[in-house]
Amino acid sequence: MSVKSILAFLLLMIFQTAQAEGESTPDFIRSIGKIYVVAGVCLIILITLFIYMIRLDRKISRIEKRQKNE
């Protein structure tokens, strides 16, 4: 599975989840002033996942090149 297909799948799941929750959850979070905390935590998690996937892809590519050269 390539990195692009994994990223596309993750984005699709995020958009579907956001649409399924409706309007009540964001209004509640905004009313208590924690929307930026939630957005920040989501952003940190996504950035961490992207970095992890990129590093893992590079490591796998390096191992595949070693296997090919042997």
PDB file of N, CA and C in Angstrom:
ATOM      1  N   MET A   1       0.845  -1.175   0.000  1.00  0.00           N
ATOM      2  CA  MET A   1       0.000   0.000   0.000  1.00  0.00           C
ATOM      3  C   MET A   1       0.895   1.244   0.000  1.00  0.00           C
ATOM      4  N   SER A   2       0.593   2.146  -0.878  1.00  0.00           N
ATOM      5  CA  SER A   2       1.434   3.324  -0.956  1.00  0.00           C
ATOM      6  C   SER A   2       0.987   4.382   0.046  1.00  0.00           C
ATOM      7  N   VAL A   3       1.858   5.319   0.273  1.00  0.00           N
ATOM      8  CA  VAL A   3       1.586   6.396   1.219  1.00  0.00           C
ATOM      9  C   VAL A   3       0.409   7.242   0.743  1.00  0.00           C
ATOM     10  N   LYS A   4       0.331   7.470  -0.550  1.00  0.00           N
ATOM     11  CA  LYS A   4      -0.762   8.285  -1.083  1.00  0.00           C
ATOM     12  C   LYS A   4      -2.118   7.636  -0.847  1.00  0.00           C
ATOM     13  N   SER A   5      -2.198   6.329  -1.020  1.00  0.00           N
ATOM     14  CA  SER A   5      -3.481   5.665  -0.813  1.00  0.00           C
ATOM     15  C   SER A   5      -3.863   5.665   0.663  1.00  0.00           C
ATOM     16  N   ILE A   6      -2.901   5.531   1.538  1.00  0.00           N
ATOM     17  CA  ILE A   6      -3.176   5.577   2.975  1.00  0.00           C
ATOM     18  C   ILE A   6      -3.646   6.967   3.377  1.00  0.00           C
ATOM     19  N   LEU A   7      -2.986   7.993   2.870  1.00  0.00           N
ATOM     20  CA  LEU A   7      -3.389   9.363   3.174  1.00  0.00           C
ATOM     21  C   LEU A   7      -4.787   9.661   2.654  1.00  0.00           C
ATOM     22  N   ALA A   8      -5.085   9.195   1.458  1.00  0.00           N
ATOM     23  CA  ALA A   8      -6.411   9.416   0.901  1.00  0.00           C
ATOM     24  C   ALA A   8      -7.474   8.724   1.750  1.00  0.00           C
ATOM     25  N   PHE A   9      -7.179   7.519   2.189  1.00  0.00           N
ATOM     26  CA  PHE A   9      -8.118   6.785   3.040  1.00  0.00           C
ATOM     27  C   PHE A   9      -8.338   7.510   4.365  1.00  0.00           C
ATOM     28  N   LEU A  10      -7.273   7.991   4.972  1.00  0.00           N
ATOM     29  CA  LEU A  10      -7.400   8.698   6.248  1.00  0.00           C
ATOM     30  C   LEU A  10      -8.215   9.980   6.090  1.00  0.00           C
ATOM     31  N   LEU A  11      -7.963  10.733   5.045  1.00  0.00           N
ATOM     32  CA  LEU A  11      -8.720  11.958   4.819  1.00  0.00           C
ATOM     33  C   LEU A  11     -10.197  11.670   4.573  1.00  0.00           C
ATOM     34  N   LEU A  12     -10.470  10.613   3.830  1.00  0.00           N
ATOM     35  CA  LEU A  12     -11.857  10.230   3.589  1.00  0.00           C
ATOM     36  C   LEU A  12     -12.559   9.873   4.893  1.00  0.00           C
ATOM     37  N   MET A  13     -11.878   9.133   5.754  1.00  0.00           N
ATOM     38  CA  MET A  13     -12.471   8.743   7.040  1.00  0.00           C
ATOM     39  C   MET A  13     -12.704   9.967   7.932  1.00  0.00           C
ATOM     40  N   ILE A  14     -11.800  10.915   7.908  1.00  0.00           N
ATOM     41  CA  ILE A  14     -11.943  12.122   8.725  1.00  0.00           C
ATOM     42  C   ILE A  14     -13.141  12.936   8.265  1.00  0.00           C
ATOM     43  N   PHE A  15     -13.286  13.101   6.955  1.00  0.00           N
ATOM     44  CA  PHE A  15     -14.405  13.881   6.436  1.00  0.00           C
ATOM     45  C   PHE A  15     -15.743  13.199   6.714  1.00  0.00           C
ATOM     46  N   GLN A  16     -15.780  11.880   6.598  1.00  0.00           N
ATOM     47  CA  GLN A  16     -17.023  11.161   6.876  1.00  0.00           C
ATOM     48  C   GLN A  16     -17.390  11.246   8.347  1.00  0.00           C
ATOM     49  N   THR A  17     -16.412  11.165   9.219  1.00  0.00           N
ATOM     50  CA  THR A  17     -16.672  11.261  10.651  1.00  0.00           C
ATOM     51  C   THR A  17     -17.176  12.655  11.005  1.00  0.00           C
ATOM     52  N   ALA A  18     -16.588  13.663  10.408  1.00  0.00           N
ATOM     53  CA  ALA A  18     -17.013  15.038  10.690  1.00  0.00           C
ATOM     54  C   ALA A  18     -18.448  15.275  10.240  1.00  0.00           C
ATOM     55  N   GLN A  19     -18.833  14.709   9.129  1.00  0.00           N
ATOM     56  CA  GLN A  19     -20.194  14.888   8.642  1.00  0.00           C
ATOM     57  C   GLN A  19     -21.190  14.089   9.467  1.00  0.00           C
ATOM     58  N   ALA A  20     -20.784  12.936   9.989  1.00  0.00           N
ATOM     59  CA  ALA A  20     -21.690  12.066  10.734  1.00  0.00           C
ATOM     60  C   ALA A  20     -22.029  12.627  12.110  1.00  0.00           C
ATOM     61  N   GLU A  21     -21.151  13.440  12.675  1.00  0.00           N
ATOM     62  CA  GLU A  21     -21.374  13.940  14.026  1.00  0.00           C
ATOM     63  C   GLU A  21     -22.480  14.981  14.098  1.00  0.00           C
ATOM     64  N   GLY A  22     -22.740  15.667  13.035  1.00  0.00           N
ATOM     65  CA  GLY A  22     -23.801  16.660  13.041  1.00  0.00           C
ATOM     66  C   GLY A  22     -23.342  17.983  13.620  1.00  0.00           C
ATOM     67  N   GLU A  23     -24.295  18.780  14.061  1.00  0.00           N
ATOM     68  CA  GLU A  23     -24.018  20.138  14.507  1.00  0.00           C
ATOM     69  C   GLU A  23     -23.904  20.273  16.015  1.00  0.00           C
ATOM     70  N   SER A  24     -24.358  19.318  16.791  1.00  0.00           N
ATOM     71  CA  SER A  24     -24.400  19.489  18.240  1.00  0.00           C
ATOM     72  C   SER A  24     -23.018  19.472  18.893  1.00  0.00           C
ATOM     73  N   THR A  25     -22.134  18.599  18.469  1.00  0.00           N
ATOM     74  CA  THR A  25     -20.823  18.485  19.103  1.00  0.00           C
ATOM     75  C   THR A  25     -19.973  19.746  18.929  1.00  0.00           C
ATOM     76  N   PRO A  26     -19.821  20.285  17.718  1.00  0.00           N
ATOM     77  CA  PRO A  26     -19.020  21.515  17.582  1.00  0.00           C
ATOM     78  C   PRO A  26     -19.593  22.697  18.366  1.00  0.00           C
ATOM     79  N   ASP A  27     -20.922  22.813  18.428  1.00  0.00           N
ATOM     80  CA  ASP A  27     -21.514  23.913  19.194  1.00  0.00           C
ATOM     81  C   ASP A  27     -21.185  23.790  20.675  1.00  0.00           C
ATOM     82  N   PHE A  28     -21.233  22.579  21.184  1.00  0.00           N
ATOM     83  CA  PHE A  28     -20.902  22.365  22.593  1.00  0.00           C
ATOM     84  C   PHE A  28     -19.445  22.699  22.863  1.00  0.00           C
ATOM     85  N   ILE A  29     -18.570  22.243  21.995  1.00  0.00           N
ATOM     86  CA  ILE A  29     -17.137  22.493  22.187  1.00  0.00           C
ATOM     87  C   ILE A  29     -16.840  23.985  22.079  1.00  0.00           C
ATOM     88  N   ARG A  30     -17.481  24.666  21.126  1.00  0.00           N
ATOM     89  CA  ARG A  30     -17.290  26.120  20.998  1.00  0.00           C
ATOM     90  C   ARG A  30     -17.819  26.850  22.230  1.00  0.00           C
ATOM     91  N   SER A  31     -18.925  26.363  22.777  1.00  0.00           N
ATOM     92  CA  SER A  31     -19.533  27.063  23.911  1.00  0.00           C
ATOM     93  C   SER A  31     -18.652  27.011  25.152  1.00  0.00           C
ATOM     94  N   ILE A  32     -17.847  25.955  25.300  1.00  0.00           N
ATOM     95  CA  ILE A  32     -16.962  25.902  26.470  1.00  0.00           C
ATOM     96  C   ILE A  32     -15.554  26.395  26.139  1.00  0.00           C
ATOM     97  N   GLY A  33     -15.333  26.815  24.886  1.00  0.00           N
ATOM     98  CA  GLY A  33     -14.066  27.438  24.515  1.00  0.00           C
ATOM     99  C   GLY A  33     -12.908  26.484  24.286  1.00  0.00           C
ATOM    100  N   LYS A  34     -13.190  25.227  24.001  1.00  0.00           N
ATOM    101  CA  LYS A  34     -12.118  24.246  23.817  1.00  0.00           C
ATOM    102  C   LYS A  34     -11.912  23.821  22.373  1.00  0.00           C
ATOM    103  N   ILE A  35     -12.524  24.518  21.426  1.00  0.00           N
ATOM    104  CA  ILE A  35     -12.419  24.126  20.028  1.00  0.00           C
ATOM    105  C   ILE A  35     -10.973  24.192  19.531  1.00  0.00           C
ATOM    106  N   TYR A  36     -10.218  25.164  20.005  1.00  0.00           N
ATOM    107  CA  TYR A  36      -8.823  25.280  19.560  1.00  0.00           C
ATOM    108  C   TYR A  36      -7.951  24.186  20.156  1.00  0.00           C
ATOM    109  N   VAL A  37      -8.290  23.743  21.355  1.00  0.00           N
ATOM    110  CA  VAL A  37      -7.557  22.626  21.964  1.00  0.00           C
ATOM    111  C   VAL A  37      -7.806  21.356  21.167  1.00  0.00           C
ATOM    112  N   VAL A  38      -9.055  21.114  20.821  1.00  0.00           N
ATOM    113  CA  VAL A  38      -9.401  19.924  20.036  1.00  0.00           C
ATOM    114  C   VAL A  38      -8.740  19.983  18.662  1.00  0.00           C
ATOM    115  N   ALA A  39      -8.800  21.136  18.008  1.00  0.00           N
ATOM    116  CA  ALA A  39      -8.181  21.287  16.694  1.00  0.00           C
ATOM    117  C   ALA A  39      -6.663  21.098  16.786  1.00  0.00           C
ATOM    118  N   GLY A  40      -6.054  21.632  17.828  1.00  0.00           N
ATOM    119  CA  GLY A  40      -4.611  21.474  18.009  1.00  0.00           C
ATOM    120  C   GLY A  40      -4.198  20.036  18.233  1.00  0.00           C
ATOM    121  N   VAL A  41      -4.956  19.331  19.054  1.00  0.00           N
ATOM    122  CA  VAL A  41      -4.640  17.924  19.317  1.00  0.00           C
ATOM    123  C   VAL A  41      -4.810  17.096  18.049  1.00  0.00           C
ATOM    124  N   CYS A  42      -5.879  17.347  17.301  1.00  0.00           N
ATOM    125  CA  CYS A  42      -6.080  16.637  16.027  1.00  0.00           C
ATOM    126  C   CYS A  42      -4.939  16.921  15.058  1.00  0.00           C
ATOM    127  N   LEU A  43      -4.523  18.159  14.991  1.00  0.00           N
ATOM    128  CA  LEU A  43      -3.430  18.534  14.107  1.00  0.00           C
ATOM    129  C   LEU A  43      -2.127  17.844  14.505  1.00  0.00           C
ATOM    130  N   ILE A  44      -1.839  17.806  15.786  1.00  0.00           N
ATOM    131  CA  ILE A  44      -0.632  17.138  16.269  1.00  0.00           C
ATOM    132  C   ILE A  44      -0.669  15.651  15.941  1.00  0.00           C
ATOM    133  N   ILE A  45      -1.813  15.025  16.134  1.00  0.00           N
ATOM    134  CA  ILE A  45      -1.936  13.596  15.836  1.00  0.00           C
ATOM    135  C   ILE A  45      -1.739  13.343  14.348  1.00  0.00           C
ATOM    136  N   LEU A  46      -2.357  14.153  13.495  1.00  0.00           N
ATOM    137  CA  LEU A  46      -2.209  13.962  12.058  1.00  0.00           C
ATOM    138  C   LEU A  46      -0.777  14.190  11.587  1.00  0.00           C
ATOM    139  N   ILE A  47      -0.150  15.224  12.087  1.00  0.00           N
ATOM    140  CA  ILE A  47       1.243  15.491  11.705  1.00  0.00           C
ATOM    141  C   ILE A  47       2.146  14.348  12.132  1.00  0.00           C
ATOM    142  N   THR A  48       1.925  13.842  13.339  1.00  0.00           N
ATOM    143  CA  THR A  48       2.718  12.713  13.827  1.00  0.00           C
ATOM    144  C   THR A  48       2.515  11.477  12.959  1.00  0.00           C
ATOM    145  N   LEU A  49       1.276  11.208  12.581  1.00  0.00           N
ATOM    146  CA  LEU A  49       1.007  10.053  11.713  1.00  0.00           C
ATOM    147  C   LEU A  49       1.672  10.211  10.349  1.00  0.00           C
ATOM    148  N   PHE A  50       1.597  11.409   9.775  1.00  0.00           N
ATOM    149  CA  PHE A  50       2.230  11.635   8.475  1.00  0.00           C
ATOM    150  C   PHE A  50       3.740  11.461   8.551  1.00  0.00           C
ATOM    151  N   ILE A  51       4.363  11.993   9.580  1.00  0.00           N
ATOM    152  CA  ILE A  51       5.810  11.850   9.744  1.00  0.00           C
ATOM    153  C   ILE A  51       6.181  10.388   9.920  1.00  0.00           C
ATOM    154  N   TYR A  52       5.397   9.677  10.733  1.00  0.00           N
ATOM    155  CA  TYR A  52       5.660   8.253  10.949  1.00  0.00           C
ATOM    156  C   TYR A  52       5.547   7.465   9.645  1.00  0.00           C
ATOM    157  N   MET A  53       4.515   7.749   8.860  1.00  0.00           N
ATOM    158  CA  MET A  53       4.327   7.026   7.606  1.00  0.00           C
ATOM    159  C   MET A  53       5.439   7.329   6.610  1.00  0.00           C
ATOM    160  N   ILE A  54       5.882   8.565   6.552  1.00  0.00           N
ATOM    161  CA  ILE A  54       6.967   8.923   5.643  1.00  0.00           C
ATOM    162  C   ILE A  54       8.260   8.228   6.054  1.00  0.00           C
ATOM    163  N   ARG A  55       8.553   8.242   7.355  1.00  0.00           N
ATOM    164  CA  ARG A  55       9.771   7.579   7.828  1.00  0.00           C
ATOM    165  C   ARG A  55       9.709   6.078   7.587  1.00  0.00           C
ATOM    166  N   LEU A  56       8.554   5.473   7.826  1.00  0.00           N
ATOM    167  CA  LEU A  56       8.390   4.042   7.611  1.00  0.00           C
ATOM    168  C   LEU A  56       8.549   3.697   6.134  1.00  0.00           C
ATOM    169  N   ASP A  57       8.003   4.523   5.257  1.00  0.00           N
ATOM    170  CA  ASP A  57       8.139   4.294   3.827  1.00  0.00           C
ATOM    171  C   ASP A  57       9.600   4.366   3.397  1.00  0.00           C
ATOM    172  N   ARG A  58      10.318   5.323   3.930  1.00  0.00           N
ATOM    173  CA  ARG A  58      11.748   5.438   3.593  1.00  0.00           C
ATOM    174  C   ARG A  58      12.531   4.228   4.075  1.00  0.00           C
ATOM    175  N   LYS A  59      12.239   3.765   5.279  1.00  0.00           N
ATOM    176  CA  LYS A  59      12.937   2.593   5.812  1.00  0.00           C
ATOM    177  C   LYS A  59      12.630   1.351   4.980  1.00  0.00           C
ATOM    178  N   ILE A  60      11.381   1.184   4.596  1.00  0.00           N
ATOM    179  CA  ILE A  60      11.008   0.032   3.786  1.00  0.00           C
ATOM    180  C   ILE A  60      11.677   0.111   2.419  1.00  0.00           C
ATOM    181  N   SER A  61      11.723   1.296   1.833  1.00  0.00           N
ATOM    182  CA  SER A  61      12.385   1.462   0.536  1.00  0.00           C
ATOM    183  C   SER A  61      13.864   1.121   0.636  1.00  0.00           C
ATOM    184  N   ARG A  62      14.489   1.544   1.718  1.00  0.00           N
ATOM    185  CA  ARG A  62      15.907   1.256   1.917  1.00  0.00           C
ATOM    186  C   ARG A  62      16.137  -0.257   2.047  1.00  0.00           C
ATOM    187  N   ILE A  63      15.272  -0.930   2.777  1.00  0.00           N
ATOM    188  CA  ILE A  63      15.402  -2.381   2.951  1.00  0.00           C
ATOM    189  C   ILE A  63      15.158  -3.098   1.625  1.00  0.00           C
ATOM    190  N   GLU A  64      14.184  -2.632   0.844  1.00  0.00           N
ATOM    191  CA  GLU A  64      13.921  -3.239  -0.462  1.00  0.00           C
ATOM    192  C   GLU A  64      15.116  -3.077  -1.390  1.00  0.00           C
ATOM    193  N   LYS A  65      15.787  -1.925  -1.361  1.00  0.00           N
ATOM    194  CA  LYS A  65      16.974  -1.724  -2.197  1.00  0.00           C
ATOM    195  C   LYS A  65      18.093  -2.660  -1.790  1.00  0.00           C
ATOM    196  N   ARG A  66      18.249  -2.867  -0.468  1.00  0.00           N
ATOM    197  CA  ARG A  66      19.274  -3.799   0.005  1.00  0.00           C
ATOM    198  C   ARG A  66      18.968  -5.213  -0.457  1.00  0.00           C
ATOM    199  N   GLN A  67      17.725  -5.617  -0.379  1.00  0.00           N
ATOM    200  CA  GLN A  67      17.326  -6.958  -0.800  1.00  0.00           C
ATOM    201  C   GLN A  67      17.539  -7.135  -2.305  1.00  0.00           C
ATOM    202  N   LYS A  68      17.271  -6.084  -3.055  1.00  0.00           N
ATOM    203  CA  LYS A  68      17.418  -6.141  -4.505  1.00  0.00           C
ATOM    204  C   LYS A  68      18.889  -6.266  -4.899  1.00  0.00           C
ATOM    205  N   ASN A  69      19.776  -5.621  -4.151  1.00  0.00           N
ATOM    206  CA  ASN A  69      21.202  -5.629  -4.470  1.00  0.00           C
ATOM    207  C   ASN A  69      21.888  -6.932  -4.075  1.00  0.00           C
ATOM    208  N   GLU A  70      21.278  -7.694  -3.200  1.00  0.00           N
ATOM    209  CA  GLU A  70      21.926  -8.938  -2.753  1.00  0.00           C
ATOM    210  C   GLU A  70      21.759 -10.072  -3.713  1.00  0.00           C
TER     211      GLU A  70
END
